[in-house]
Amino acid sequence: QNGSWEIGGAWYDDKSTDVWVWGAPDGVDLESARKDIRLTAHRNMKAARKTIWYNLSIPLRLLGTDAAGLRKSGILLNAMINDNDGRCREGYMSFPEGDPKDPDNFVAVDFE
């Protein structure tokens, strides 16, 4: 694909979720892509270290590939997780470190 994806998601205290697609490769309709991406989340407040698990499901057709193509070429990936419980970002972590929008900072993910 020509271009990169910029996708966001949120989980709320009422257990609802939102997905946003702020950027996508050339020719991809942002709203259609947003509707096809699924986000589920679960919060465990009883664990010694409170956790939130996110599962973001992106159909391979949106990535312009199938399972065989994904195994052949892999993907470049980064992630930035924000902690925002109100009106401002309280903290964040980024994988890998550095500017999460800089493609030179992405890590290669291979699939078997």
PDB file of N, CA and C in Angstrom:
ATOM      1  N   GLN A   1       0.830  -1.177   0.000  1.00  0.00           N
ATOM      2  CA  GLN A   1       0.000   0.000   0.000  1.00  0.00           C
ATOM      3  C   GLN A   1       0.875   1.241   0.000  1.00  0.00           C
ATOM      4  N   ASN A   2       0.375   2.284  -0.605  1.00  0.00           N
ATOM      5  CA  ASN A   2       1.089   3.545  -0.656  1.00  0.00           C
ATOM      6  C   ASN A   2       0.599   4.433   0.487  1.00  0.00           C
ATOM      7  N   GLY A   3       1.391   4.544   1.542  1.00  0.00           N
ATOM      8  CA  GLY A   3       1.017   5.331   2.706  1.00  0.00           C
ATOM      9  C   GLY A   3       0.982   4.477   3.947  1.00  0.00           C
ATOM     10  N   SER A   4       0.626   5.090   5.052  1.00  0.00           N
ATOM     11  CA  SER A   4       0.595   4.356   6.313  1.00  0.00           C
ATOM     12  C   SER A   4      -0.733   4.583   7.024  1.00  0.00           C
ATOM     13  N   TRP A   5      -0.962   3.750   8.019  1.00  0.00           N
ATOM     14  CA  TRP A   5      -2.165   3.820   8.818  1.00  0.00           C
ATOM     15  C   TRP A   5      -1.904   4.606  10.095  1.00  0.00           C
ATOM     16  N   GLU A   6      -2.907   5.354  10.532  1.00  0.00           N
ATOM     17  CA  GLU A   6      -2.907   5.943  11.863  1.00  0.00           C
ATOM     18  C   GLU A   6      -4.277   5.652  12.452  1.00  0.00           C
ATOM     19  N   ILE A   7      -4.283   4.724  13.419  1.00  0.00           N
ATOM     20  CA  ILE A   7      -5.512   4.192  13.995  1.00  0.00           C
ATOM     21  C   ILE A   7      -5.487   4.438  15.499  1.00  0.00           C
ATOM     22  N   GLY A   8      -6.617   4.770  16.060  1.00  0.00           N
ATOM     23  CA  GLY A   8      -6.722   4.944  17.502  1.00  0.00           C
ATOM     24  C   GLY A   8      -7.936   4.241  18.043  1.00  0.00           C
ATOM     25  N   GLY A   9      -7.866   3.950  19.325  1.00  0.00           N
ATOM     26  CA  GLY A   9      -9.003   3.322  19.974  1.00  0.00           C
ATOM     27  C   GLY A   9      -9.069   3.723  21.431  1.00  0.00           C
ATOM     28  N   ALA A  10     -10.255   3.637  22.000  1.00  0.00           N
ATOM     29  CA  ALA A  10     -10.437   3.973  23.407  1.00  0.00           C
ATOM     30  C   ALA A  10     -11.468   3.044  24.030  1.00  0.00           C
ATOM     31  N   TRP A  11     -11.260   2.793  25.310  1.00  0.00           N
ATOM     32  CA  TRP A  11     -12.202   2.041  26.116  1.00  0.00           C
ATOM     33  C   TRP A  11     -12.653   2.932  27.247  1.00  0.00           C
ATOM     34  N   TYR A  12     -13.954   2.960  27.494  1.00  0.00           N
ATOM     35  CA  TYR A  12     -14.526   3.847  28.489  1.00  0.00           C
ATOM     36  C   TYR A  12     -15.036   3.072  29.700  1.00  0.00           C
ATOM     37  N   ASP A  13     -15.231   3.780  30.793  1.00  0.00           N
ATOM     38  CA  ASP A  13     -15.692   3.146  32.030  1.00  0.00           C
ATOM     39  C   ASP A  13     -17.027   2.430  31.875  1.00  0.00           C
ATOM     40  N   ASP A  14     -17.853   2.883  30.938  1.00  0.00           N
ATOM     41  CA  ASP A  14     -19.135   2.202  30.714  1.00  0.00           C
ATOM     42  C   ASP A  14     -18.984   0.967  29.819  1.00  0.00           C
ATOM     43  N   LYS A  15     -17.716   0.596  29.529  1.00  0.00           N
ATOM     44  CA  LYS A  15     -17.336  -0.588  28.733  1.00  0.00           C
ATOM     45  C   LYS A  15     -17.586  -0.432  27.241  1.00  0.00           C
ATOM     46  N   SER A  16     -17.933   0.765  26.796  1.00  0.00           N
ATOM     47  CA  SER A  16     -18.047   1.009  25.355  1.00  0.00           C
ATOM     48  C   SER A  16     -16.650   1.304  24.797  1.00  0.00           C
ATOM     49  N   THR A  17     -16.519   1.182  23.492  1.00  0.00           N
ATOM     50  CA  THR A  17     -15.249   1.454  22.819  1.00  0.00           C
ATOM     51  C   THR A  17     -15.477   2.376  21.632  1.00  0.00           C
ATOM     52  N   ASP A  18     -14.418   3.028  21.220  1.00  0.00           N
ATOM     53  CA  ASP A  18     -14.401   3.837  20.004  1.00  0.00           C
ATOM     54  C   ASP A  18     -13.169   3.485  19.202  1.00  0.00           C
ATOM     55  N   VAL A  19     -13.282   3.577  17.894  1.00  0.00           N
ATOM     56  CA  VAL A  19     -12.147   3.408  16.976  1.00  0.00           C
ATOM     57  C   VAL A  19     -12.107   4.626  16.082  1.00  0.00           C
ATOM     58  N   TRP A  20     -10.909   5.130  15.840  1.00  0.00           N
ATOM     59  CA  TRP A  20     -10.705   6.230  14.905  1.00  0.00           C
ATOM     60  C   TRP A  20      -9.680   5.810  13.873  1.00  0.00           C
ATOM     61  N   VAL A  21      -9.845   6.314  12.659  1.00  0.00           N
ATOM     62  CA  VAL A  21      -8.833   6.167  11.614  1.00  0.00           C
ATOM     63  C   VAL A  21      -8.528   7.575  11.134  1.00  0.00           C
ATOM     64  N   TRP A  22      -7.368   8.082  11.569  1.00  0.00           N
ATOM     65  CA  TRP A  22      -6.976   9.444  11.201  1.00  0.00           C
ATOM     66  C   TRP A  22      -6.204   9.479   9.891  1.00  0.00           C
ATOM     67  N   GLY A  23      -5.578   8.368   9.542  1.00  0.00           N
ATOM     68  CA  GLY A  23      -4.813   8.308   8.309  1.00  0.00           C
ATOM     69  C   GLY A  23      -4.793   6.894   7.766  1.00  0.00           C
ATOM     70  N   ALA A  24      -4.764   6.784   6.456  1.00  0.00           N
ATOM     71  CA  ALA A  24      -4.757   5.479   5.802  1.00  0.00           C
ATOM     72  C   ALA A  24      -4.048   5.612   4.460  1.00  0.00           C
ATOM     73  N   PRO A  25      -3.607   4.486   3.883  1.00  0.00           N
ATOM     74  CA  PRO A  25      -2.968   4.531   2.573  1.00  0.00           C
ATOM     75  C   PRO A  25      -3.890   5.117   1.509  1.00  0.00           C
ATOM     76  N   ASP A  26      -3.278   5.550   0.432  1.00  0.00           N
ATOM     77  CA  ASP A  26      -4.014   6.132  -0.685  1.00  0.00           C
ATOM     78  C   ASP A  26      -5.164   5.231  -1.116  1.00  0.00           C
ATOM     79  N   GLY A  27      -6.326   5.833  -1.345  1.00  0.00           N
ATOM     80  CA  GLY A  27      -7.474   5.100  -1.866  1.00  0.00           C
ATOM     81  C   GLY A  27      -8.354   4.446  -0.810  1.00  0.00           C
ATOM     82  N   VAL A  28      -7.975   4.530   0.475  1.00  0.00           N
ATOM     83  CA  VAL A  28      -8.777   3.914   1.531  1.00  0.00           C
ATOM     84  C   VAL A  28      -9.727   4.959   2.110  1.00  0.00           C
ATOM     85  N   ASP A  29     -11.001   4.622   2.171  1.00  0.00           N
ATOM     86  CA  ASP A  29     -11.995   5.507   2.766  1.00  0.00           C
ATOM     87  C   ASP A  29     -11.901   5.374   4.294  1.00  0.00           C
ATOM     88  N   LEU A  30     -11.595   6.476   4.975  1.00  0.00           N
ATOM     89  CA  LEU A  30     -11.351   6.447   6.422  1.00  0.00           C
ATOM     90  C   LEU A  30     -12.571   5.955   7.209  1.00  0.00           C
ATOM     91  N   GLU A  31     -13.746   6.416   6.864  1.00  0.00           N
ATOM     92  CA  GLU A  31     -14.944   6.022   7.603  1.00  0.00           C
ATOM     93  C   GLU A  31     -15.280   4.552   7.382  1.00  0.00           C
ATOM     94  N   SER A  32     -15.149   4.069   6.165  1.00  0.00           N
ATOM     95  CA  SER A  32     -15.397   2.641   5.908  1.00  0.00           C
ATOM     96  C   SER A  32     -14.398   1.774   6.660  1.00  0.00           C
ATOM     97  N   ALA A  33     -13.133   2.190   6.657  1.00  0.00           N
ATOM     98  CA  ALA A  33     -12.110   1.439   7.386  1.00  0.00           C
ATOM     99  C   ALA A  33     -12.425   1.436   8.879  1.00  0.00           C
ATOM    100  N   ARG A  34     -12.809   2.585   9.415  1.00  0.00           N
ATOM    101  CA  ARG A  34     -13.131   2.676  10.846  1.00  0.00           C
ATOM    102  C   ARG A  34     -14.235   1.695  11.224  1.00  0.00           C
ATOM    103  N   LYS A  35     -15.243   1.577  10.384  1.00  0.00           N
ATOM    104  CA  LYS A  35     -16.358   0.677  10.667  1.00  0.00           C
ATOM    105  C   LYS A  35     -15.948  -0.793  10.624  1.00  0.00           C
ATOM    106  N   ASP A  36     -14.893  -1.121   9.860  1.00  0.00           N
ATOM    107  CA  ASP A  36     -14.443  -2.505   9.719  1.00  0.00           C
ATOM    108  C   ASP A  36     -13.464  -2.936  10.806  1.00  0.00           C
ATOM    109  N   ILE A  37     -12.894  -2.003  11.530  1.00  0.00           N
ATOM    110  CA  ILE A  37     -11.926  -2.313  12.578  1.00  0.00           C
ATOM    111  C   ILE A  37     -12.676  -2.513  13.892  1.00  0.00           C
ATOM    112  N   ARG A  38     -12.344  -3.576  14.594  1.00  0.00           N
ATOM    113  CA  ARG A  38     -13.024  -3.912  15.847  1.00  0.00           C
ATOM    114  C   ARG A  38     -12.078  -3.733  17.029  1.00  0.00           C
ATOM    115  N   LEU A  39     -12.606  -3.201  18.123  1.00  0.00           N
ATOM    116  CA  LEU A  39     -11.850  -3.044  19.353  1.00  0.00           C
ATOM    117  C   LEU A  39     -12.658  -3.614  20.504  1.00  0.00           C
ATOM    118  N   THR A  40     -12.034  -4.529  21.237  1.00  0.00           N
ATOM    119  CA  THR A  40     -12.608  -5.003  22.493  1.00  0.00           C
ATOM    120  C   THR A  40     -11.582  -4.734  23.583  1.00  0.00           C
ATOM    121  N   ALA A  41     -12.048  -4.583  24.792  1.00  0.00           N
ATOM    122  CA  ALA A  41     -11.148  -4.302  25.903  1.00  0.00           C
ATOM    123  C   ALA A  41     -11.708  -4.896  27.180  1.00  0.00           C
ATOM    124  N   HIS A  42     -10.792  -5.152  28.108  1.00  0.00           N
ATOM    125  CA  HIS A  42     -11.168  -5.702  29.405  1.00  0.00           C
ATOM    126  C   HIS A  42     -10.265  -5.090  30.461  1.00  0.00           C
ATOM    127  N   ARG A  43     -10.843  -4.643  31.543  1.00  0.00           N
ATOM    128  CA  ARG A  43     -10.068  -4.064  32.646  1.00  0.00           C
ATOM    129  C   ARG A  43     -10.158  -4.995  33.845  1.00  0.00           C
ATOM    130  N   ASN A  44      -9.004  -5.288  34.458  1.00  0.00           N
ATOM    131  CA  ASN A  44      -8.950  -6.087  35.672  1.00  0.00           C
ATOM    132  C   ASN A  44      -8.496  -5.179  36.812  1.00  0.00           C
ATOM    133  N   MET A  45      -9.440  -4.701  37.592  1.00  0.00           N
ATOM    134  CA  MET A  45      -9.124  -3.792  38.695  1.00  0.00           C
ATOM    135  C   MET A  45      -8.774  -4.539  39.981  1.00  0.00           C
ATOM    136  N   LYS A  46      -8.964  -5.869  39.993  1.00  0.00           N
ATOM    137  CA  LYS A  46      -8.685  -6.648  41.196  1.00  0.00           C
ATOM    138  C   LYS A  46      -7.257  -7.175  41.231  1.00  0.00           C
ATOM    139  N   ALA A  47      -6.572  -7.147  40.111  1.00  0.00           N
ATOM    140  CA  ALA A  47      -5.195  -7.639  40.065  1.00  0.00           C
ATOM    141  C   ALA A  47      -4.297  -6.722  40.890  1.00  0.00           C
ATOM    142  N   ALA A  48      -3.177  -7.270  41.365  1.00  0.00           N
ATOM    143  CA  ALA A  48      -2.226  -6.466  42.141  1.00  0.00           C
ATOM    144  C   ALA A  48      -1.817  -5.228  41.355  1.00  0.00           C
ATOM    145  N   ARG A  49      -1.606  -5.400  40.067  1.00  0.00           N
ATOM    146  CA  ARG A  49      -1.316  -4.267  39.170  1.00  0.00           C
ATOM    147  C   ARG A  49      -2.489  -4.172  38.211  1.00  0.00           C
ATOM    148  N   LYS A  50      -3.289  -3.156  38.368  1.00  0.00           N
ATOM    149  CA  LYS A  50      -4.478  -2.987  37.533  1.00  0.00           C
ATOM    150  C   LYS A  50      -4.094  -3.029  36.062  1.00  0.00           C
ATOM    151  N   THR A  51      -4.859  -3.763  35.264  1.00  0.00           N
ATOM    152  CA  THR A  51      -4.525  -3.938  33.854  1.00  0.00           C
ATOM    153  C   THR A  51      -5.720  -3.639  32.964  1.00  0.00           C
ATOM    154  N   ILE A  52      -5.413  -3.222  31.757  1.00  0.00           N
ATOM    155  CA  ILE A  52      -6.404  -3.100  30.696  1.00  0.00           C
ATOM    156  C   ILE A  52      -5.840  -3.856  29.494  1.00  0.00           C
ATOM    157  N   TRP A  53      -6.628  -4.739  28.936  1.00  0.00           N
ATOM    158  CA  TRP A  53      -6.249  -5.497  27.746  1.00  0.00           C
ATOM    159  C   TRP A  53      -7.052  -4.978  26.573  1.00  0.00           C
ATOM    160  N   TYR A  54      -6.355  -4.662  25.477  1.00  0.00           N
ATOM    161  CA  TYR A  54      -7.000  -4.208  24.247  1.00  0.00           C
ATOM    162  C   TYR A  54      -6.780  -5.248  23.157  1.00  0.00           C
ATOM    163  N   ASN A  55      -7.811  -5.500  22.371  1.00  0.00           N
ATOM    164  CA  ASN A  55      -7.708  -6.370  21.203  1.00  0.00           C
ATOM    165  C   ASN A  55      -8.248  -5.576  20.016  1.00  0.00           C
ATOM    166  N   LEU A  56      -7.342  -5.149  19.149  1.00  0.00           N
ATOM    167  CA  LEU A  56      -7.700  -4.383  17.962  1.00  0.00           C
ATOM    168  C   LEU A  56      -7.606  -5.320  16.766  1.00  0.00           C
ATOM    169  N   SER A  57      -8.728  -5.554  16.106  1.00  0.00           N
ATOM    170  CA  SER A  57      -8.785  -6.475  14.967  1.00  0.00           C
ATOM    171  C   SER A  57      -8.944  -5.685  13.676  1.00  0.00           C
ATOM    172  N   ILE A  58      -7.963  -5.848  12.788  1.00  0.00           N
ATOM    173  CA  ILE A  58      -7.959  -5.158  11.505  1.00  0.00           C
ATOM    174  C   ILE A  58      -8.050  -6.214  10.401  1.00  0.00           C
ATOM    175  N   PRO A  59      -9.095  -6.188   9.601  1.00  0.00           N
ATOM    176  CA  PRO A  59      -9.199  -7.175   8.513  1.00  0.00           C
ATOM    177  C   PRO A  59      -7.999  -7.062   7.561  1.00  0.00           C
ATOM    178  N   LEU A  60      -7.444  -8.191   7.176  1.00  0.00           N
ATOM    179  CA  LEU A  60      -6.281  -8.187   6.296  1.00  0.00           C
ATOM    180  C   LEU A  60      -6.566  -7.503   4.968  1.00  0.00           C
ATOM    181  N   ARG A  61      -7.806  -7.569   4.501  1.00  0.00           N
ATOM    182  CA  ARG A  61      -8.116  -6.904   3.227  1.00  0.00           C
ATOM    183  C   ARG A  61      -7.872  -5.402   3.316  1.00  0.00           C
ATOM    184  N   LEU A  62      -8.051  -4.801   4.522  1.00  0.00           N
ATOM    185  CA  LEU A  62      -7.752  -3.378   4.675  1.00  0.00           C
ATOM    186  C   LEU A  62      -6.261  -3.111   4.505  1.00  0.00           C
ATOM    187  N   LEU A  63      -5.440  -4.090   4.850  1.00  0.00           N
ATOM    188  CA  LEU A  63      -3.995  -3.956   4.702  1.00  0.00           C
ATOM    189  C   LEU A  63      -3.535  -4.310   3.290  1.00  0.00           C
ATOM    190  N   GLY A  64      -4.485  -4.659   2.430  1.00  0.00           N
ATOM    191  CA  GLY A  64      -4.158  -4.976   1.044  1.00  0.00           C
ATOM    192  C   GLY A  64      -3.444  -6.304   0.892  1.00  0.00           C
ATOM    193  N   THR A  65      -3.738  -7.264   1.783  1.00  0.00           N
ATOM    194  CA  THR A  65      -3.054  -8.549   1.734  1.00  0.00           C
ATOM    195  C   THR A  65      -3.975  -9.643   2.252  1.00  0.00           C
ATOM    196  N   ASP A  66      -3.444 -10.850   2.279  1.00  0.00           N
ATOM    197  CA  ASP A  66      -4.121 -11.982   2.898  1.00  0.00           C
ATOM    198  C   ASP A  66      -3.097 -12.662   3.807  1.00  0.00           C
ATOM    199  N   ALA A  67      -3.455 -13.791   4.400  1.00  0.00           N
ATOM    200  CA  ALA A  67      -2.552 -14.454   5.350  1.00  0.00           C
ATOM    201  C   ALA A  67      -1.225 -14.837   4.699  1.00  0.00           C
ATOM    202  N   ALA A  68      -1.274 -15.341   3.459  1.00  0.00           N
ATOM    203  CA  ALA A  68      -0.034 -15.721   2.768  1.00  0.00           C
ATOM    204  C   ALA A  68       0.839 -14.503   2.504  1.00  0.00           C
ATOM    205  N   GLY A  69       0.220 -13.412   2.078  1.00  0.00           N
ATOM    206  CA  GLY A  69       0.976 -12.189   1.829  1.00  0.00           C
ATOM    207  C   GLY A  69       1.586 -11.625   3.098  1.00  0.00           C
ATOM    208  N   LEU A  70       0.866 -11.718   4.194  1.00  0.00           N
ATOM    209  CA  LEU A  70       1.375 -11.232   5.477  1.00  0.00           C
ATOM    210  C   LEU A  70       2.575 -12.059   5.930  1.00  0.00           C
ATOM    211  N   ARG A  71       2.505 -13.375   5.743  1.00  0.00           N
ATOM    212  CA  ARG A  71       3.654 -14.228   6.103  1.00  0.00           C
ATOM    213  C   ARG A  71       4.856 -13.915   5.223  1.00  0.00           C
ATOM    214  N   LYS A  72       4.601 -13.562   3.969  1.00  0.00           N
ATOM    215  CA  LYS A  72       5.695 -13.290   3.041  1.00  0.00           C
ATOM    216  C   LYS A  72       6.380 -11.956   3.321  1.00  0.00           C
ATOM    217  N   SER A  73       5.594 -10.910   3.601  1.00  0.00           N
ATOM    218  CA  SER A  73       6.200  -9.582   3.703  1.00  0.00           C
ATOM    219  C   SER A  73       6.218  -8.993   5.108  1.00  0.00           C
ATOM    220  N   GLY A  74       5.380  -9.487   6.025  1.00  0.00           N
ATOM    221  CA  GLY A  74       5.310  -8.910   7.363  1.00  0.00           C
ATOM    222  C   GLY A  74       4.760  -7.492   7.318  1.00  0.00           C
ATOM    223  N   ILE A  75       4.884  -6.780   8.425  1.00  0.00           N
ATOM    224  CA  ILE A  75       4.424  -5.400   8.501  1.00  0.00           C
ATOM    225  C   ILE A  75       5.405  -4.585   9.332  1.00  0.00           C
ATOM    226  N   LEU A  76       5.336  -3.286   9.177  1.00  0.00           N
ATOM    227  CA  LEU A  76       6.056  -2.371  10.063  1.00  0.00           C
ATOM    228  C   LEU A  76       5.042  -1.847  11.067  1.00  0.00           C
ATOM    229  N   LEU A  77       5.431  -1.764  12.334  1.00  0.00           N
ATOM    230  CA  LEU A  77       4.475  -1.465  13.388  1.00  0.00           C
ATOM    231  C   LEU A  77       5.080  -0.557  14.443  1.00  0.00           C
ATOM    232  N   ASN A  78       4.246   0.259  15.023  1.00  0.00           N
ATOM    233  CA  ASN A  78       4.582   0.970  16.255  1.00  0.00           C
ATOM    234  C   ASN A  78       3.298   1.133  17.044  1.00  0.00           C
ATOM    235  N   ALA A  79       3.434   1.515  18.279  1.00  0.00           N
ATOM    236  CA  ALA A  79       2.256   1.724  19.117  1.00  0.00           C
ATOM    237  C   ALA A  79       2.552   2.812  20.133  1.00  0.00           C
ATOM    238  N   MET A  80       1.540   3.628  20.391  1.00  0.00           N
ATOM    239  CA  MET A  80       1.628   4.626  21.451  1.00  0.00           C
ATOM    240  C   MET A  80       0.361   4.487  22.275  1.00  0.00           C
ATOM    241  N   ILE A  81       0.531   4.269  23.568  1.00  0.00           N
ATOM    242  CA  ILE A  81      -0.594   4.092  24.464  1.00  0.00           C
ATOM    243  C   ILE A  81      -0.649   5.296  25.398  1.00  0.00           C
ATOM    244  N   ASN A  82      -1.791   5.995  25.383  1.00  0.00           N
ATOM    245  CA  ASN A  82      -2.001   7.175  26.223  1.00  0.00           C
ATOM    246  C   ASN A  82      -2.870   6.815  27.416  1.00  0.00           C
ATOM    247  N   ASP A  83      -2.592   7.422  28.541  1.00  0.00           N
ATOM    248  CA  ASP A  83      -3.464   7.346  29.699  1.00  0.00           C
ATOM    249  C   ASP A  83      -4.152   8.694  29.810  1.00  0.00           C
ATOM    250  N   ASN A  84      -5.416   8.708  29.439  1.00  0.00           N
ATOM    251  CA  ASN A  84      -6.167   9.955  29.458  1.00  0.00           C
ATOM    252  C   ASN A  84      -7.514   9.667  30.096  1.00  0.00           C
ATOM    253  N   ASP A  85      -7.629   9.974  31.374  1.00  0.00           N
ATOM    254  CA  ASP A  85      -8.872   9.709  32.090  1.00  0.00           C
ATOM    255  C   ASP A  85      -9.754  10.941  32.181  1.00  0.00           C
ATOM    256  N   GLY A  86      -9.514  11.904  31.346  1.00  0.00           N
ATOM    257  CA  GLY A  86     -10.324  13.118  31.412  1.00  0.00           C
ATOM    258  C   GLY A  86      -9.981  14.052  30.284  1.00  0.00           C
ATOM    259  N   ARG A  87      -9.518  15.231  30.644  1.00  0.00           N
ATOM    260  CA  ARG A  87      -9.287  16.266  29.641  1.00  0.00           C
ATOM    261  C   ARG A  87      -7.851  16.337  29.139  1.00  0.00           C
ATOM    262  N   CYS A  88      -6.946  15.570  29.738  1.00  0.00           N
ATOM    263  CA  CYS A  88      -5.556  15.682  29.293  1.00  0.00           C
ATOM    264  C   CYS A  88      -4.843  14.341  29.413  1.00  0.00           C
ATOM    265  N   ARG A  89      -3.748  14.219  28.698  1.00  0.00           N
ATOM    266  CA  ARG A  89      -2.921  13.022  28.749  1.00  0.00           C
ATOM    267  C   ARG A  89      -2.176  13.011  30.085  1.00  0.00           C
ATOM    268  N   GLU A  90      -2.375  11.949  30.864  1.00  0.00           N
ATOM    269  CA  GLU A  90      -1.711  11.824  32.155  1.00  0.00           C
ATOM    270  C   GLU A  90      -0.371  11.108  32.025  1.00  0.00           C
ATOM    271  N   GLY A  91      -0.205  10.374  30.956  1.00  0.00           N
ATOM    272  CA  GLY A  91       1.029   9.639  30.726  1.00  0.00           C
ATOM    273  C   GLY A  91       0.911   8.865  29.429  1.00  0.00           C
ATOM    274  N   TYR A  92       2.009   8.323  28.978  1.00  0.00           N
ATOM    275  CA  TYR A  92       1.978   7.502  27.764  1.00  0.00           C
ATOM    276  C   TYR A  92       3.200   6.598  27.736  1.00  0.00           C
ATOM    277  N   MET A  93       3.126   5.576  26.890  1.00  0.00           N
ATOM    278  CA  MET A  93       4.294   4.765  26.572  1.00  0.00           C
ATOM    279  C   MET A  93       4.263   4.511  25.081  1.00  0.00           C
ATOM    280  N   SER A  94       5.444   4.380  24.524  1.00  0.00           N
ATOM    281  CA  SER A  94       5.575   4.217  23.083  1.00  0.00           C
ATOM    282  C   SER A  94       6.468   3.020  22.797  1.00  0.00           C
ATOM    283  N   PHE A  95       6.077   2.218  21.825  1.00  0.00           N
ATOM    284  CA  PHE A  95       6.891   1.087  21.378  1.00  0.00           C
ATOM    285  C   PHE A  95       6.999   1.163  19.874  1.00  0.00           C
ATOM    286  N   PRO A  96       8.184   1.297  19.359  1.00  0.00           N
ATOM    287  CA  PRO A  96       9.443   1.477  20.071  1.00  0.00           C
ATOM    288  C   PRO A  96       9.564   2.908  20.587  1.00  0.00           C
ATOM    289  N   GLU A  97      10.619   3.174  21.321  1.00  0.00           N
ATOM    290  CA  GLU A  97      10.833   4.523  21.825  1.00  0.00           C
ATOM    291  C   GLU A  97      11.053   5.488  20.670  1.00  0.00           C
ATOM    292  N   GLY A  98      10.777   6.748  20.910  1.00  0.00           N
ATOM    293  CA  GLY A  98      10.959   7.759  19.877  1.00  0.00           C
ATOM    294  C   GLY A  98       9.631   8.190  19.289  1.00  0.00           C
ATOM    295  N   ASP A  99       9.711   8.957  18.242  1.00  0.00           N
ATOM    296  CA  ASP A  99       8.519   9.507  17.594  1.00  0.00           C
ATOM    297  C   ASP A  99       7.695   8.377  16.980  1.00  0.00           C
ATOM    298  N   PRO A 100       6.466   8.145  17.486  1.00  0.00           N
ATOM    299  CA  PRO A 100       5.669   7.041  16.962  1.00  0.00           C
ATOM    300  C   PRO A 100       5.129   7.277  15.556  1.00  0.00           C
ATOM    301  N   LYS A 101       5.283   8.490  15.022  1.00  0.00           N
ATOM    302  CA  LYS A 101       4.806   8.757  13.659  1.00  0.00           C
ATOM    303  C   LYS A 101       5.933   8.731  12.633  1.00  0.00           C
ATOM    304  N   ASP A 102       7.153   8.479  13.072  1.00  0.00           N
ATOM    305  CA  ASP A 102       8.309   8.434  12.179  1.00  0.00           C
ATOM    306  C   ASP A 102       8.508   7.008  11.675  1.00  0.00           C
ATOM    307  N   PRO A 103       8.255   6.723  10.393  1.00  0.00           N
ATOM    308  CA  PRO A 103       8.401   5.365   9.864  1.00  0.00           C
ATOM    309  C   PRO A 103       9.791   4.763  10.080  1.00  0.00           C
ATOM    310  N   ASP A 104      10.809   5.600  10.225  1.00  0.00           N
ATOM    311  CA  ASP A 104      12.143   5.060  10.508  1.00  0.00           C
ATOM    312  C   ASP A 104      12.211   4.458  11.910  1.00  0.00           C
ATOM    313  N   ASN A 105      11.218   4.727  12.727  1.00  0.00           N
ATOM    314  CA  ASN A 105      11.157   4.218  14.091  1.00  0.00           C
ATOM    315  C   ASN A 105      10.340   2.934  14.206  1.00  0.00           C
ATOM    316  N   PHE A 106       9.690   2.504  13.148  1.00  0.00           N
ATOM    317  CA  PHE A 106       8.831   1.331  13.215  1.00  0.00           C
ATOM    318  C   PHE A 106       9.674   0.072  13.342  1.00  0.00           C
ATOM    319  N   VAL A 107       9.086  -0.976  13.938  1.00  0.00           N
ATOM    320  CA  VAL A 107       9.753  -2.270  14.021  1.00  0.00           C
ATOM    321  C   VAL A 107       9.117  -3.212  13.007  1.00  0.00           C
ATOM    322  N   ALA A 108       9.925  -4.106  12.460  1.00  0.00           N
ATOM    323  CA  ALA A 108       9.429  -5.095  11.502  1.00  0.00           C
ATOM    324  C   ALA A 108       8.838  -6.277  12.277  1.00  0.00           C
ATOM    325  N   VAL A 109       7.637  -6.684  11.886  1.00  0.00           N
ATOM    326  CA  VAL A 109       6.975  -7.825  12.498  1.00  0.00           C
ATOM    327  C   VAL A 109       6.798  -8.877  11.411  1.00  0.00           C
ATOM    328  N   ASP A 110       7.364 -10.048  11.649  1.00  0.00           N
ATOM    329  CA  ASP A 110       7.240 -11.170  10.716  1.00  0.00           C
ATOM    330  C   ASP A 110       6.234 -12.170  11.267  1.00  0.00           C
ATOM    331  N   PHE A 111       5.566 -12.888  10.381  1.00  0.00           N
ATOM    332  CA  PHE A 111       4.557 -13.869  10.756  1.00  0.00           C
ATOM    333  C   PHE A 111       4.926 -15.229  10.187  1.00  0.00           C
ATOM    334  N   GLU A 112       4.634 -16.258  10.931  1.00  0.00           N
ATOM    335  CA  GLU A 112       4.894 -17.629  10.472  1.00  0.00           C
ATOM    336  C   GLU A 112       3.597 -18.330  10.179  1.00  0.00           C
TER     337      GLU A 112
END
